[in-house]
């Protein structure tokens, strides 16, 4: 049985600039670092793996691996974003903090079941802070929200049409 998320890991350009964003700006505690000198396959490396703790005990983690090529680019929200849950008061406070700090800040977006704001971290990743609304539980309940049926309808509409095949 899967219990919960332990960590998600991403590449970073620099561990210190990443720490400044996640610890100093977002307020996530730097909980651990792991220096990796050799991979499990025996390849020598100089990599730092850092872990930032969330309120539920899970972590966001980053690898600074200067000896391994990686294309850093500003990510589109649909390609990659990290959504972190906050309360409504924190959402408003962080919106003001982001604008005051000169951090790229967007929102508030009303998605019905959540209200969201967005930042871009130093690595190009979109960070979403999301506050649940009163509709959240109802809209995220697969017993009543039709999620499976919507997925099946979406999938069927995109199946290649096989004209003339029986």
Protein backbone atom coordinates (compact mmCIF):
# COMPACT_ATOMS: atom_id res chain seq x y z
CA UNK A 1 0.00 0.00 0.00
CA UNK A 2 1.24 3.48 -0.86
CA UNK A 3 0.86 5.67 2.23
CA UNK A 4 1.71 9.17 0.98
CA UNK A 5 4.27 11.18 -0.94
CA UNK A 6 7.74 11.18 0.58
CA UNK A 7 9.34 13.59 -1.92
CA UNK A 8 9.28 14.87 -5.47
CA UNK A 9 12.70 15.66 -6.89
CA UNK A 10 13.69 18.15 -9.57
CA UNK A 11 16.95 19.51 -11.01
CA UNK A 12 18.19 22.90 -9.88
CA UNK A 13 20.70 25.35 -11.30
CA UNK A 14 22.21 26.18 -7.93
CA UNK A 15 21.44 24.84 -4.48
CA UNK A 16 21.86 28.18 -2.71
CA UNK A 17 19.57 30.19 -4.99
CA UNK A 18 17.06 27.36 -4.76
CA UNK A 19 17.34 27.44 -0.95
CA UNK A 20 16.74 31.19 -0.90
CA UNK A 21 13.50 30.74 -2.82
CA UNK A 22 12.13 27.66 -1.03
CA UNK A 23 13.34 28.43 2.50
CA UNK A 24 13.62 32.22 2.70
CA UNK A 25 10.71 33.14 0.40
CA UNK A 26 8.24 30.23 0.68
CA UNK A 27 9.18 29.31 4.25
CA UNK A 28 9.97 25.61 3.70
CA UNK A 29 12.66 24.40 6.08
CA UNK A 30 15.84 22.97 4.55
CA UNK A 31 15.57 19.56 6.22
CA UNK A 32 18.40 17.58 4.68
CA UNK A 33 21.25 17.44 2.23
CA UNK A 34 22.91 14.46 0.65
CA UNK A 35 26.25 14.78 -1.12
CA UNK A 36 26.56 12.20 -3.87
CA UNK A 37 30.12 11.39 -4.95
CA UNK A 38 29.38 8.23 -6.91
CA UNK A 39 26.26 6.86 -8.57
CA UNK A 40 25.02 3.33 -7.88
CA UNK A 41 26.48 2.37 -11.27
CA UNK A 42 29.93 3.55 -10.16
CA UNK A 43 30.10 6.83 -12.10
CA UNK A 44 31.91 9.62 -10.25
CA UNK A 45 29.79 12.72 -9.71
CA UNK A 46 29.61 15.91 -7.67
CA UNK A 47 25.91 16.21 -6.90
CA UNK A 48 24.05 17.79 -4.01
CA UNK A 49 20.53 16.55 -3.17
CA UNK A 50 18.54 18.92 -0.93
CA UNK A 51 15.18 18.37 0.81
CA UNK A 52 12.64 21.04 1.87
CA UNK A 53 9.98 19.94 4.36
CA UNK A 54 6.28 20.58 3.87
CA UNK A 55 3.79 20.79 6.73
CA UNK A 56 2.65 17.17 6.30
CA UNK A 57 6.19 15.78 6.61
CA UNK A 58 6.72 15.25 2.87
CA UNK A 59 9.48 17.02 0.95
CA UNK A 60 10.33 18.87 -2.22
CA UNK A 61 13.82 17.85 -3.24
CA UNK A 62 16.37 19.15 -5.73
CA UNK A 63 19.51 17.85 -7.41
CA UNK A 64 22.34 20.22 -8.27
CA UNK A 65 24.36 18.12 -10.70
CA UNK A 66 26.72 20.42 -12.63
CA UNK A 67 28.43 17.49 -14.35
CA UNK A 68 25.17 16.31 -15.97
CA UNK A 69 23.62 18.34 -18.81
CA UNK A 70 20.08 19.56 -18.23
CA UNK A 71 17.99 22.07 -20.18
CA UNK A 72 16.62 24.63 -17.76
CA UNK A 73 13.80 26.65 -19.28
CA UNK A 74 10.74 28.47 -18.04
CA UNK A 75 8.10 25.74 -17.81
CA UNK A 76 4.54 26.22 -18.99
CA UNK A 77 1.96 25.52 -16.29
CA UNK A 78 0.60 22.57 -18.30
CA UNK A 79 4.04 21.01 -18.74
CA UNK A 80 5.21 21.15 -15.14
CA UNK A 81 4.07 22.89 -12.02
CA UNK A 82 4.29 22.15 -8.32
CA UNK A 83 1.09 22.89 -6.40
CA UNK A 84 1.32 23.37 -2.63
CA UNK A 85 -1.71 23.70 -0.37
CA UNK A 86 -2.11 26.77 1.86
CA UNK A 87 -5.01 28.41 3.66
CA UNK A 88 -6.81 31.47 2.23
CA UNK A 89 -5.00 33.90 4.55
CA UNK A 90 -1.58 32.56 3.55
CA UNK A 91 -2.57 32.78 -0.11
CA UNK A 92 -3.27 36.51 0.20
CA UNK A 93 -0.14 37.13 2.30
CA UNK A 94 2.09 35.28 -0.22
CA UNK A 95 0.50 37.14 -3.15
CA UNK A 96 1.50 40.44 -1.56
CA UNK A 97 4.92 39.09 -0.55
CA UNK A 98 5.68 37.90 -4.10
CA UNK A 99 4.73 41.22 -5.65
CA UNK A 100 6.72 43.17 -3.05
CA UNK A 101 9.78 40.95 -3.53
CA UNK A 102 9.75 41.32 -7.31
CA UNK A 103 9.14 37.60 -7.81
CA UNK A 104 7.11 36.76 -10.93
CA UNK A 105 3.63 36.47 -9.38
CA UNK A 106 0.27 35.65 -11.01
CA UNK A 107 -3.23 35.24 -9.60
CA UNK A 108 -5.56 34.90 -7.85
CA UNK A 109 -7.13 32.32 -10.21
CA UNK A 110 -10.52 30.90 -9.24
CA UNK A 111 -10.66 27.24 -10.29
CA UNK A 112 -13.91 26.65 -8.39
CA UNK A 113 -12.58 24.04 -5.98
CA UNK A 114 -9.35 26.00 -5.26
CA UNK A 115 -8.05 29.56 -5.52
CA UNK A 116 -4.47 29.71 -6.78
CA UNK A 117 -1.51 32.04 -7.14
CA UNK A 118 1.62 31.28 -9.12
CA UNK A 119 5.31 32.08 -8.83
CA UNK A 120 8.31 31.10 -10.93
CA UNK A 121 11.27 29.70 -9.02
CA UNK A 122 14.94 30.32 -10.00
CA UNK A 123 14.97 27.08 -12.02
CA UNK A 124 12.03 28.04 -14.25
CA UNK A 125 9.45 25.87 -12.46
CA UNK A 126 5.96 27.22 -11.81
CA UNK A 127 5.03 27.04 -8.12
CA UNK A 128 1.31 27.17 -7.37
CA UNK A 129 -0.07 27.94 -3.94
CA UNK A 130 -3.63 26.62 -3.72
CA UNK A 131 -6.28 27.30 -1.08
CA UNK A 132 -9.28 24.95 -0.96
CA UNK A 133 -12.76 26.43 -1.32
CA UNK A 134 -16.00 25.11 0.19
CA UNK A 135 -16.57 23.17 -3.06
CA UNK A 136 -13.27 21.25 -2.83
CA UNK A 137 -14.46 18.03 -1.20
CA UNK A 138 -17.50 17.68 -3.46
CA UNK A 139 -15.56 18.40 -6.65
CA UNK A 140 -12.74 15.99 -5.74
CA UNK A 141 -15.02 13.09 -4.75
CA UNK A 142 -14.88 10.46 -7.54
CA UNK A 143 -18.05 8.84 -6.18
CA UNK A 144 -20.10 11.87 -7.26
CA UNK A 145 -18.03 14.07 -9.60
CA UNK A 146 -18.07 11.86 -12.71
CA UNK A 147 -14.27 11.81 -13.04
CA UNK A 148 -14.12 8.33 -14.59
CA UNK A 149 -16.91 9.08 -17.06
CA UNK A 150 -15.31 12.36 -18.10
CA UNK A 151 -11.99 10.60 -18.71
CA UNK A 152 -13.67 7.84 -20.72
CA UNK A 153 -15.56 10.42 -22.84
CA UNK A 154 -12.32 12.39 -23.41
CA UNK A 155 -10.44 9.23 -24.41
CA UNK A 156 -13.18 7.96 -26.73
CA UNK A 157 -13.34 11.32 -28.53
CA UNK A 158 -9.61 11.10 -29.29
CA UNK A 159 -9.49 7.48 -30.48
CA UNK A 160 -8.46 7.16 -34.13
CA UNK A 161 -11.51 6.58 -36.29
CA UNK A 162 -11.24 3.36 -38.21
CA UNK A 163 -13.58 4.00 -41.14
CA UNK A 164 -14.66 0.90 -43.00
CA UNK A 165 -13.19 -1.51 -40.43
CA UNK A 166 -15.58 -3.93 -38.80
